[in-house]
Amino acid sequence: ALKQSFFDFKYIFKNKIFIGFTLIVLLIALATLSVRNQVSGTSTYPLTREMANLAIGLCSAFMVIMTFLFSGMLINRAKISNMEHLVNSTPFPNWAFTFSKFLAMIWIQVSLYVMVILLAIGVQIFQGYYKLEIDHYLFSAFGISFLPVMVWTALSFFTHQIFKNYIVSFVVLLGFL
């Protein structure tokens, strides 16, 4: 399942839609982090707590929508490429394929969080603030924000297993939001 998840990860990571979504998320995060709130017209230091809250909160909102779309693409990948009968005839159980796709989605989410954290650190350094608290970034991303995203991922996989058309499941999942 681990090797298959690498294969699925590369499939999503090289997808043009994923690259477009990621660029949009990074550009919006860059614009948001560059123009932070000023206190009484005075600019403030780009503190790690501000940067982490803004960047990771924005990334999590987009990540849920991306998870809805790309989990459907992964689950229905064999059907889309007309290889469903070949995949079903393999001696591996269906849960192994589903688990590898779930792992691939987790790696996609981790990579997106890492990109946004690196962007926030870059903005801090660019604005002349060198007291970086990497542990705060990591705790905010993977300790606080990652669990709700994992729950949405599990719900997405469940919904995509029920509705075989990934566009219909995507619309149903957007209705849950």
N, C-alpha and C. Protein backbone atom coordinates (compact mmCIF):
# COMPACT_ATOMS: atom_id res chain seq x y z
N ALA A 1 0.83 -1.19 0.00
CA ALA A 1 0.00 0.00 0.00
C ALA A 1 0.87 1.26 0.00
N LEU A 2 2.06 1.14 0.57
CA LEU A 2 2.94 2.31 0.65
C LEU A 2 3.45 2.72 -0.73
N LYS A 3 3.87 1.75 -1.54
CA LYS A 3 4.34 2.06 -2.89
C LYS A 3 3.21 2.61 -3.75
N GLN A 4 2.03 2.06 -3.61
CA GLN A 4 0.88 2.55 -4.37
C GLN A 4 0.52 3.96 -3.96
N SER A 5 0.69 4.29 -2.69
CA SER A 5 0.37 5.65 -2.24
C SER A 5 1.37 6.66 -2.82
N PHE A 6 2.64 6.26 -2.98
CA PHE A 6 3.60 7.15 -3.66
C PHE A 6 3.16 7.40 -5.10
N PHE A 7 2.69 6.37 -5.75
CA PHE A 7 2.22 6.48 -7.13
C PHE A 7 1.02 7.43 -7.21
N ASP A 8 0.07 7.28 -6.28
CA ASP A 8 -1.10 8.16 -6.25
C ASP A 8 -0.72 9.58 -5.88
N PHE A 9 0.25 9.72 -4.98
CA PHE A 9 0.73 11.05 -4.59
C PHE A 9 1.31 11.78 -5.81
N LYS A 10 2.12 11.09 -6.57
CA LYS A 10 2.70 11.71 -7.77
C LYS A 10 1.63 12.05 -8.80
N TYR A 11 0.61 11.20 -8.90
CA TYR A 11 -0.50 11.47 -9.82
C TYR A 11 -1.19 12.79 -9.48
N ILE A 12 -1.46 13.01 -8.21
CA ILE A 12 -2.12 14.25 -7.79
C ILE A 12 -1.16 15.42 -7.87
N PHE A 13 0.06 15.23 -7.39
CA PHE A 13 1.01 16.33 -7.30
C PHE A 13 1.38 16.89 -8.67
N LYS A 14 1.35 16.05 -9.70
CA LYS A 14 1.67 16.51 -11.05
C LYS A 14 0.44 16.95 -11.83
N ASN A 15 -0.72 16.85 -11.23
CA ASN A 15 -1.97 17.22 -11.88
C ASN A 15 -2.02 18.74 -12.06
N LYS A 16 -2.46 19.19 -13.24
CA LYS A 16 -2.50 20.63 -13.53
C LYS A 16 -3.51 21.35 -12.64
N ILE A 17 -4.59 20.69 -12.30
CA ILE A 17 -5.60 21.31 -11.44
C ILE A 17 -5.02 21.52 -10.04
N PHE A 18 -4.28 20.52 -9.54
CA PHE A 18 -3.65 20.66 -8.23
C PHE A 18 -2.62 21.78 -8.24
N ILE A 19 -1.82 21.86 -9.29
CA ILE A 19 -0.82 22.92 -9.38
C ILE A 19 -1.49 24.28 -9.40
N GLY A 20 -2.60 24.39 -10.15
CA GLY A 20 -3.33 25.66 -10.19
C GLY A 20 -3.91 26.04 -8.84
N PHE A 21 -4.55 25.08 -8.16
CA PHE A 21 -5.10 25.33 -6.83
C PHE A 21 -3.98 25.73 -5.85
N THR A 22 -2.86 25.03 -5.92
CA THR A 22 -1.76 25.31 -5.01
C THR A 22 -1.20 26.70 -5.25
N LEU A 23 -1.05 27.09 -6.50
CA LEU A 23 -0.57 28.45 -6.79
C LEU A 23 -1.55 29.51 -6.30
N ILE A 24 -2.83 29.24 -6.46
CA ILE A 24 -3.83 30.20 -5.96
C ILE A 24 -3.75 30.32 -4.45
N VAL A 25 -3.64 29.18 -3.76
CA VAL A 25 -3.55 29.19 -2.29
C VAL A 25 -2.29 29.95 -1.85
N LEU A 26 -1.16 29.67 -2.51
CA LEU A 26 0.08 30.34 -2.12
C LEU A 26 0.05 31.83 -2.42
N LEU A 27 -0.54 32.23 -3.53
CA LEU A 27 -0.64 33.67 -3.85
C LEU A 27 -1.57 34.40 -2.89
N ILE A 28 -2.70 33.79 -2.56
CA ILE A 28 -3.61 34.41 -1.59
C ILE A 28 -2.95 34.48 -0.21
N ALA A 29 -2.25 33.42 0.17
CA ALA A 29 -1.55 33.42 1.46
C ALA A 29 -0.46 34.48 1.47
N LEU A 30 0.28 34.61 0.37
CA LEU A 30 1.33 35.64 0.29
C LEU A 30 0.74 37.04 0.40
N ALA A 31 -0.36 37.28 -0.29
CA ALA A 31 -1.00 38.60 -0.21
C ALA A 31 -1.53 38.87 1.20
N THR A 32 -2.10 37.85 1.82
CA THR A 32 -2.64 38.02 3.17
C THR A 32 -1.53 38.24 4.19
N LEU A 33 -0.45 37.49 4.07
CA LEU A 33 0.64 37.62 5.04
C LEU A 33 1.43 38.91 4.84
N SER A 34 1.50 39.39 3.62
CA SER A 34 2.25 40.62 3.37
C SER A 34 1.52 41.85 3.87
N VAL A 35 0.21 41.82 3.81
CA VAL A 35 -0.59 42.98 4.22
C VAL A 35 -1.35 42.60 5.48
N ARG A 36 -0.66 42.53 6.58
CA ARG A 36 -1.29 42.19 7.85
C ARG A 36 -1.97 43.43 8.44
N ASN A 37 -2.67 43.19 9.53
CA ASN A 37 -3.33 44.30 10.23
C ASN A 37 -2.30 45.21 10.87
N GLN A 38 -2.57 46.50 10.77
CA GLN A 38 -1.73 47.47 11.44
C GLN A 38 -2.47 47.97 12.68
N VAL A 39 -1.71 48.24 13.71
CA VAL A 39 -2.30 48.74 14.95
C VAL A 39 -2.17 50.26 14.95
N SER A 40 -3.26 50.96 14.88
CA SER A 40 -3.32 52.43 14.87
C SER A 40 -2.40 53.02 13.80
N GLY A 41 -2.37 52.39 12.63
CA GLY A 41 -1.56 52.90 11.54
C GLY A 41 -0.09 52.57 11.65
N THR A 42 0.30 51.88 12.69
CA THR A 42 1.70 51.52 12.89
C THR A 42 1.90 50.06 12.51
N SER A 43 2.91 49.81 11.71
CA SER A 43 3.15 48.42 11.32
C SER A 43 3.72 47.64 12.51
N THR A 44 3.38 46.37 12.56
CA THR A 44 3.83 45.52 13.66
C THR A 44 4.78 44.46 13.11
N TYR A 45 5.47 43.81 14.02
CA TYR A 45 6.35 42.72 13.61
C TYR A 45 5.52 41.54 13.14
N PRO A 46 6.03 40.79 12.19
CA PRO A 46 5.31 39.59 11.74
C PRO A 46 5.54 38.43 12.72
N LEU A 47 4.85 38.47 13.82
CA LEU A 47 5.01 37.43 14.84
C LEU A 47 4.56 36.08 14.32
N THR A 48 5.16 35.05 14.86
CA THR A 48 4.89 33.70 14.38
C THR A 48 3.44 33.30 14.61
N ARG A 49 2.87 33.72 15.74
CA ARG A 49 1.48 33.34 16.00
C ARG A 49 0.54 33.95 14.98
N GLU A 50 0.79 35.21 14.57
CA GLU A 50 -0.03 35.84 13.54
C GLU A 50 0.13 35.13 12.20
N MET A 51 1.37 34.88 11.84
CA MET A 51 1.66 34.26 10.55
C MET A 51 1.09 32.85 10.49
N ALA A 52 1.24 32.10 11.58
CA ALA A 52 0.74 30.72 11.61
C ALA A 52 -0.78 30.69 11.54
N ASN A 53 -1.44 31.55 12.30
CA ASN A 53 -2.90 31.58 12.29
C ASN A 53 -3.44 31.95 10.92
N LEU A 54 -2.86 32.98 10.30
CA LEU A 54 -3.34 33.41 8.99
C LEU A 54 -3.06 32.37 7.92
N ALA A 55 -1.83 31.92 7.84
CA ALA A 55 -1.43 31.02 6.76
C ALA A 55 -2.09 29.65 6.88
N ILE A 56 -2.07 29.07 8.06
CA ILE A 56 -2.59 27.72 8.22
C ILE A 56 -4.11 27.72 8.18
N GLY A 57 -4.73 28.76 8.71
CA GLY A 57 -6.20 28.85 8.63
C GLY A 57 -6.68 28.98 7.20
N LEU A 58 -6.01 29.81 6.42
CA LEU A 58 -6.36 29.96 5.01
C LEU A 58 -6.11 28.68 4.24
N CYS A 59 -4.99 28.05 4.52
CA CYS A 59 -4.63 26.80 3.84
C CYS A 59 -5.62 25.69 4.18
N SER A 60 -6.07 25.62 5.41
CA SER A 60 -7.01 24.57 5.81
C SER A 60 -8.35 24.71 5.10
N ALA A 61 -8.80 25.95 4.91
CA ALA A 61 -10.07 26.16 4.23
C ALA A 61 -10.00 25.68 2.78
N PHE A 62 -8.93 26.03 2.09
CA PHE A 62 -8.77 25.58 0.71
C PHE A 62 -8.49 24.09 0.65
N MET A 63 -7.81 23.55 1.65
CA MET A 63 -7.42 22.15 1.65
C MET A 63 -8.64 21.24 1.71
N VAL A 64 -9.66 21.64 2.42
CA VAL A 64 -10.87 20.82 2.51
C VAL A 64 -11.51 20.70 1.13
N ILE A 65 -11.60 21.80 0.40
CA ILE A 65 -12.19 21.77 -0.93
C ILE A 65 -11.31 20.94 -1.88
N MET A 66 -10.00 21.11 -1.78
CA MET A 66 -9.10 20.32 -2.62
C MET A 66 -9.19 18.83 -2.27
N THR A 67 -9.38 18.51 -1.01
CA THR A 67 -9.53 17.12 -0.59
C THR A 67 -10.79 16.52 -1.19
N PHE A 68 -11.89 17.28 -1.19
CA PHE A 68 -13.12 16.79 -1.79
C PHE A 68 -12.92 16.43 -3.26
N LEU A 69 -12.25 17.29 -3.98
CA LEU A 69 -12.07 17.07 -5.41
C LEU A 69 -11.09 15.95 -5.71
N PHE A 70 -9.92 16.00 -5.09
CA PHE A 70 -8.87 15.05 -5.45
C PHE A 70 -9.08 13.65 -4.87
N SER A 71 -9.80 13.54 -3.77
CA SER A 71 -10.10 12.19 -3.28
C SER A 71 -11.06 11.50 -4.25
N GLY A 72 -11.97 12.25 -4.83
CA GLY A 72 -12.85 11.68 -5.85
C GLY A 72 -12.09 11.27 -7.09
N MET A 73 -11.12 12.09 -7.47
CA MET A 73 -10.30 11.74 -8.64
C MET A 73 -9.49 10.48 -8.37
N LEU A 74 -8.97 10.34 -7.16
CA LEU A 74 -8.20 9.14 -6.83
C LEU A 74 -9.06 7.89 -6.75
N ILE A 75 -10.20 8.00 -6.11
CA ILE A 75 -11.05 6.83 -5.93
C ILE A 75 -11.60 6.35 -7.27
N ASN A 76 -11.95 7.26 -8.14
CA ASN A 76 -12.51 6.89 -9.44
C ASN A 76 -11.47 6.87 -10.55
N ARG A 77 -10.22 6.84 -10.20
CA ARG A 77 -9.15 6.89 -11.19
C ARG A 77 -9.17 5.68 -12.13
N ALA A 78 -9.38 4.50 -11.60
CA ALA A 78 -9.42 3.30 -12.44
C ALA A 78 -10.61 3.34 -13.39
N LYS A 79 -11.73 3.85 -12.90
CA LYS A 79 -12.93 3.93 -13.73
C LYS A 79 -12.76 4.97 -14.84
N ILE A 80 -12.12 6.10 -14.50
CA ILE A 80 -11.92 7.16 -15.49
C ILE A 80 -11.00 6.69 -16.61
N SER A 81 -9.98 5.90 -16.26
CA SER A 81 -9.02 5.44 -17.27
C SER A 81 -9.40 4.09 -17.87
N ASN A 82 -10.63 3.63 -17.62
CA ASN A 82 -11.15 2.36 -18.14
C ASN A 82 -10.28 1.17 -17.73
N MET A 83 -9.74 1.19 -16.55
CA MET A 83 -8.92 0.09 -16.03
C MET A 83 -9.58 -0.57 -14.82
N GLU A 84 -10.85 -0.28 -14.60
CA GLU A 84 -11.54 -0.75 -13.40
C GLU A 84 -11.57 -2.27 -13.32
N HIS A 85 -11.84 -2.95 -14.44
CA HIS A 85 -11.92 -4.41 -14.42
C HIS A 85 -10.56 -5.04 -14.16
N LEU A 86 -9.52 -4.41 -14.68
CA LEU A 86 -8.17 -4.94 -14.45
C LEU A 86 -7.76 -4.78 -12.98
N VAL A 87 -8.08 -3.63 -12.40
CA VAL A 87 -7.76 -3.39 -10.99
C VAL A 87 -8.56 -4.33 -10.09
N ASN A 88 -9.81 -4.57 -10.45
CA ASN A 88 -10.65 -5.46 -9.63
C ASN A 88 -10.24 -6.92 -9.74
N SER A 89 -9.51 -7.26 -10.79
CA SER A 89 -9.10 -8.67 -10.96
C SER A 89 -7.77 -8.98 -10.27
N THR A 90 -7.14 -8.00 -9.66
CA THR A 90 -5.88 -8.24 -8.96
C THR A 90 -6.15 -9.00 -7.66
N PRO A 91 -5.13 -9.69 -7.13
CA PRO A 91 -5.35 -10.47 -5.89
C PRO A 91 -5.34 -9.62 -4.62
N PHE A 92 -5.22 -8.31 -4.76
CA PHE A 92 -5.18 -7.44 -3.58
C PHE A 92 -6.59 -7.05 -3.16
N PRO A 93 -6.84 -6.94 -1.87
CA PRO A 93 -8.18 -6.55 -1.42
C PRO A 93 -8.44 -5.06 -1.71
N ASN A 94 -9.71 -4.71 -1.76
CA ASN A 94 -10.09 -3.33 -2.08
C ASN A 94 -9.63 -2.35 -1.01
N TRP A 95 -9.57 -2.81 0.24
CA TRP A 95 -9.16 -1.90 1.31
C TRP A 95 -7.71 -1.45 1.13
N ALA A 96 -6.88 -2.26 0.51
CA ALA A 96 -5.47 -1.88 0.31
C ALA A 96 -5.38 -0.71 -0.67
N PHE A 97 -6.20 -0.75 -1.71
CA PHE A 97 -6.20 0.37 -2.66
C PHE A 97 -6.77 1.63 -2.02
N THR A 98 -7.83 1.47 -1.25
CA THR A 98 -8.43 2.64 -0.59
C THR A 98 -7.48 3.23 0.45
N PHE A 99 -6.81 2.36 1.20
CA PHE A 99 -5.86 2.84 2.20
C PHE A 99 -4.69 3.59 1.55
N SER A 100 -4.20 3.09 0.42
CA SER A 100 -3.10 3.77 -0.27
C SER A 100 -3.54 5.13 -0.79
N LYS A 101 -4.77 5.24 -1.23
CA LYS A 101 -5.29 6.54 -1.70
C LYS A 101 -5.48 7.49 -0.53
N PHE A 102 -5.89 6.95 0.61
CA PHE A 102 -6.01 7.78 1.81
C PHE A 102 -4.63 8.29 2.25
N LEU A 103 -3.63 7.43 2.22
CA LEU A 103 -2.26 7.86 2.54
C LEU A 103 -1.76 8.92 1.57
N ALA A 104 -2.08 8.75 0.30
CA ALA A 104 -1.67 9.75 -0.70
C ALA A 104 -2.31 11.10 -0.40
N MET A 105 -3.57 11.11 0.00
CA MET A 105 -4.24 12.38 0.34
C MET A 105 -3.60 13.01 1.57
N ILE A 106 -3.21 12.19 2.53
CA ILE A 106 -2.54 12.73 3.71
C ILE A 106 -1.22 13.37 3.31
N TRP A 107 -0.47 12.73 2.42
CA TRP A 107 0.81 13.30 1.98
C TRP A 107 0.61 14.58 1.18
N ILE A 108 -0.46 14.65 0.42
CA ILE A 108 -0.78 15.89 -0.31
C ILE A 108 -1.05 17.00 0.69
N GLN A 109 -1.81 16.70 1.73
CA GLN A 109 -2.14 17.71 2.73
C GLN A 109 -0.90 18.14 3.50
N VAL A 110 -0.05 17.19 3.85
CA VAL A 110 1.19 17.52 4.55
C VAL A 110 2.08 18.41 3.67
N SER A 111 2.18 18.08 2.40
CA SER A 111 3.03 18.88 1.50
C SER A 111 2.48 20.29 1.35
N LEU A 112 1.16 20.43 1.31
CA LEU A 112 0.57 21.78 1.20
C LEU A 112 0.82 22.58 2.48
N TYR A 113 0.69 21.94 3.63
CA TYR A 113 1.00 22.63 4.89
C TYR A 113 2.47 23.04 4.94
N VAL A 114 3.36 22.18 4.49
CA VAL A 114 4.79 22.52 4.51
C VAL A 114 5.07 23.69 3.58
N MET A 115 4.43 23.72 2.41
CA MET A 115 4.63 24.86 1.49
C MET A 115 4.17 26.17 2.11
N VAL A 116 3.03 26.13 2.78
CA VAL A 116 2.51 27.36 3.39
C VAL A 116 3.37 27.79 4.57
N ILE A 117 3.88 26.84 5.34
CA ILE A 117 4.77 27.17 6.46
C ILE A 117 6.05 27.81 5.93
N LEU A 118 6.61 27.24 4.88
CA LEU A 118 7.83 27.83 4.28
C LEU A 118 7.56 29.22 3.72
N LEU A 119 6.38 29.42 3.16
CA LEU A 119 6.01 30.75 2.66
C LEU A 119 5.92 31.75 3.81
N ALA A 120 5.30 31.35 4.92
CA ALA A 120 5.17 32.24 6.07
C ALA A 120 6.53 32.57 6.67
N ILE A 121 7.42 31.58 6.74
CA ILE A 121 8.77 31.83 7.25
C ILE A 121 9.51 32.78 6.31
N GLY A 122 9.33 32.59 5.01
CA GLY A 122 9.96 33.50 4.03
C GLY A 122 9.47 34.93 4.18
N VAL A 123 8.17 35.10 4.42
CA VAL A 123 7.62 36.45 4.63
C VAL A 123 8.19 37.06 5.90
N GLN A 124 8.33 36.26 6.95
CA GLN A 124 8.93 36.77 8.19
C GLN A 124 10.36 37.24 7.96
N ILE A 125 11.14 36.43 7.27
CA ILE A 125 12.54 36.79 7.02
C ILE A 125 12.61 38.02 6.11
N PHE A 126 11.75 38.07 5.10
CA PHE A 126 11.75 39.21 4.17
C PHE A 126 11.41 40.51 4.89
N GLN A 127 10.54 40.44 5.89
CA GLN A 127 10.15 41.64 6.62
C GLN A 127 11.08 41.95 7.79
N GLY A 128 12.17 41.21 7.91
CA GLY A 128 13.19 41.54 8.90
C GLY A 128 12.96 40.99 10.29
N TYR A 129 12.14 39.97 10.40
CA TYR A 129 11.88 39.37 11.70
C TYR A 129 12.51 37.99 11.71
N TYR A 130 13.54 37.80 12.54
CA TYR A 130 14.32 36.58 12.50
C TYR A 130 14.10 35.66 13.71
N LYS A 131 13.17 35.99 14.58
CA LYS A 131 12.87 35.12 15.71
C LYS A 131 11.80 34.12 15.27
N LEU A 132 12.26 33.09 14.58
CA LEU A 132 11.35 32.09 14.02
C LEU A 132 11.06 31.01 15.05
N GLU A 133 9.82 30.66 15.16
CA GLU A 133 9.40 29.60 16.07
C GLU A 133 8.82 28.46 15.23
N ILE A 134 9.70 27.62 14.74
CA ILE A 134 9.30 26.52 13.86
C ILE A 134 8.35 25.56 14.58
N ASP A 135 8.61 25.33 15.88
CA ASP A 135 7.75 24.42 16.62
C ASP A 135 6.32 24.93 16.71
N HIS A 136 6.14 26.25 16.76
CA HIS A 136 4.80 26.81 16.79
C HIS A 136 4.08 26.56 15.46
N TYR A 137 4.80 26.74 14.36
CA TYR A 137 4.23 26.44 13.05
C TYR A 137 3.80 24.97 12.95
N LEU A 138 4.71 24.09 13.37
CA LEU A 138 4.43 22.67 13.25
C LEU A 138 3.26 22.24 14.15
N PHE A 139 3.20 22.80 15.36
CA PHE A 139 2.10 22.47 16.26
C PHE A 139 0.79 23.02 15.72
N SER A 140 0.80 24.25 15.19
CA SER A 140 -0.43 24.82 14.64
C SER A 140 -0.93 24.03 13.45
N ALA A 141 0.00 23.59 12.60
CA ALA A 141 -0.41 22.88 11.39
C ALA A 141 -0.80 21.44 11.68
N PHE A 142 0.11 20.71 12.33
CA PHE A 142 -0.10 19.27 12.46
C PHE A 142 -0.70 18.86 13.80
N GLY A 143 -0.68 19.74 14.78
CA GLY A 143 -1.28 19.41 16.07
C GLY A 143 -2.71 19.88 16.19
N ILE A 144 -3.01 21.03 15.61
CA ILE A 144 -4.33 21.63 15.78
C ILE A 144 -5.18 21.50 14.51
N SER A 145 -4.65 21.90 13.38
CA SER A 145 -5.45 22.00 12.16
C SER A 145 -5.54 20.70 11.37
N PHE A 146 -4.65 19.77 11.61
CA PHE A 146 -4.61 18.57 10.77
C PHE A 146 -5.72 17.58 11.10
N LEU A 147 -6.12 17.48 12.35
CA LEU A 147 -7.17 16.52 12.73
C LEU A 147 -8.51 16.83 12.06
N PRO A 148 -9.01 18.07 12.07
CA PRO A 148 -10.26 18.32 11.34
C PRO A 148 -10.15 18.04 9.84
N VAL A 149 -8.99 18.31 9.26
CA VAL A 149 -8.81 18.02 7.84
C VAL A 149 -8.85 16.51 7.60
N MET A 150 -8.30 15.73 8.54
CA MET A 150 -8.35 14.27 8.41
C MET A 150 -9.80 13.76 8.51
N VAL A 151 -10.60 14.39 9.36
CA VAL A 151 -12.01 14.00 9.47
C VAL A 151 -12.74 14.28 8.16
N TRP A 152 -12.48 15.46 7.58
CA TRP A 152 -13.08 15.80 6.28
C TRP A 152 -12.61 14.84 5.20
N THR A 153 -11.36 14.39 5.28
CA THR A 153 -10.84 13.44 4.31
C THR A 153 -11.57 12.10 4.43
N ALA A 154 -11.78 11.64 5.65
CA ALA A 154 -12.50 10.38 5.86
C ALA A 154 -13.94 10.50 5.36
N LEU A 155 -14.59 11.63 5.63
CA LEU A 155 -15.95 11.86 5.14
C LEU A 155 -15.97 11.90 3.61
N SER A 156 -14.95 12.50 3.04
CA SER A 156 -14.86 12.57 1.59
C SER A 156 -14.70 11.18 0.97
N PHE A 157 -13.85 10.35 1.56
CA PHE A 157 -13.68 9.00 1.04
C PHE A 157 -14.97 8.21 1.17
N PHE A 158 -15.65 8.36 2.30
CA PHE A 158 -16.92 7.65 2.50
C PHE A 158 -17.95 8.09 1.46
N THR A 159 -18.07 9.38 1.23
CA THR A 159 -19.05 9.90 0.27
C THR A 159 -18.71 9.49 -1.15
N HIS A 160 -17.43 9.51 -1.50
CA HIS A 160 -17.04 9.10 -2.85
C HIS A 160 -17.22 7.61 -3.06
N GLN A 161 -17.21 6.81 -2.01
CA GLN A 161 -17.48 5.38 -2.16
C GLN A 161 -18.97 5.14 -2.38
N ILE A 162 -19.82 6.00 -1.82
CA ILE A 162 -21.27 5.84 -1.99
C ILE A 162 -21.71 6.30 -3.38
N PHE A 163 -21.30 7.52 -3.76
CA PHE A 163 -21.64 8.06 -5.07
C PHE A 163 -20.48 7.79 -6.02
N LYS A 164 -20.73 7.06 -7.07
CA LYS A 164 -19.64 6.66 -7.95
C LYS A 164 -19.22 7.77 -8.92
N ASN A 165 -20.05 8.78 -9.12
CA ASN A 165 -19.67 9.91 -9.97
C ASN A 165 -18.99 10.95 -9.08
N TYR A 166 -17.72 11.27 -9.35
CA TYR A 166 -16.98 12.13 -8.43
C TYR A 166 -17.45 13.58 -8.47
N ILE A 167 -18.09 14.01 -9.55
CA ILE A 167 -18.64 15.38 -9.59
C ILE A 167 -19.87 15.46 -8.68
N VAL A 168 -20.72 14.46 -8.72
CA VAL A 168 -21.91 14.43 -7.84
C VAL A 168 -21.48 14.38 -6.39
N SER A 169 -20.48 13.54 -6.07
CA SER A 169 -20.01 13.47 -4.69
C SER A 169 -19.39 14.78 -4.25
N PHE A 170 -18.68 15.45 -5.16
CA PHE A 170 -18.08 16.75 -4.83
C PHE A 170 -19.16 17.76 -4.45
N VAL A 171 -20.25 17.79 -5.22
CA VAL A 171 -21.34 18.72 -4.93
C VAL A 171 -22.02 18.34 -3.61
N VAL A 172 -22.20 17.04 -3.35
CA VAL A 172 -22.78 16.60 -2.08
C VAL A 172 -21.89 17.02 -0.91
N LEU A 173 -20.59 16.85 -1.07
CA LEU A 173 -19.66 17.24 0.00
C LEU A 173 -19.64 18.76 0.22
N LEU A 174 -19.77 19.51 -0.86
CA LEU A 174 -19.86 20.97 -0.69
C LEU A 174 -21.13 21.35 0.07
N GLY A 175 -22.18 20.54 -0.07
CA GLY A 175 -23.40 20.76 0.69
C GLY A 175 -23.20 20.54 2.18
N PHE A 176 -22.25 19.68 2.55
CA PHE A 176 -21.94 19.46 3.97
C PHE A 176 -21.28 20.67 4.60
N LEU A 177 -20.55 21.44 3.79
CA LEU A 177 -19.88 22.61 4.35
C LEU A 177 -20.90 23.63 4.77
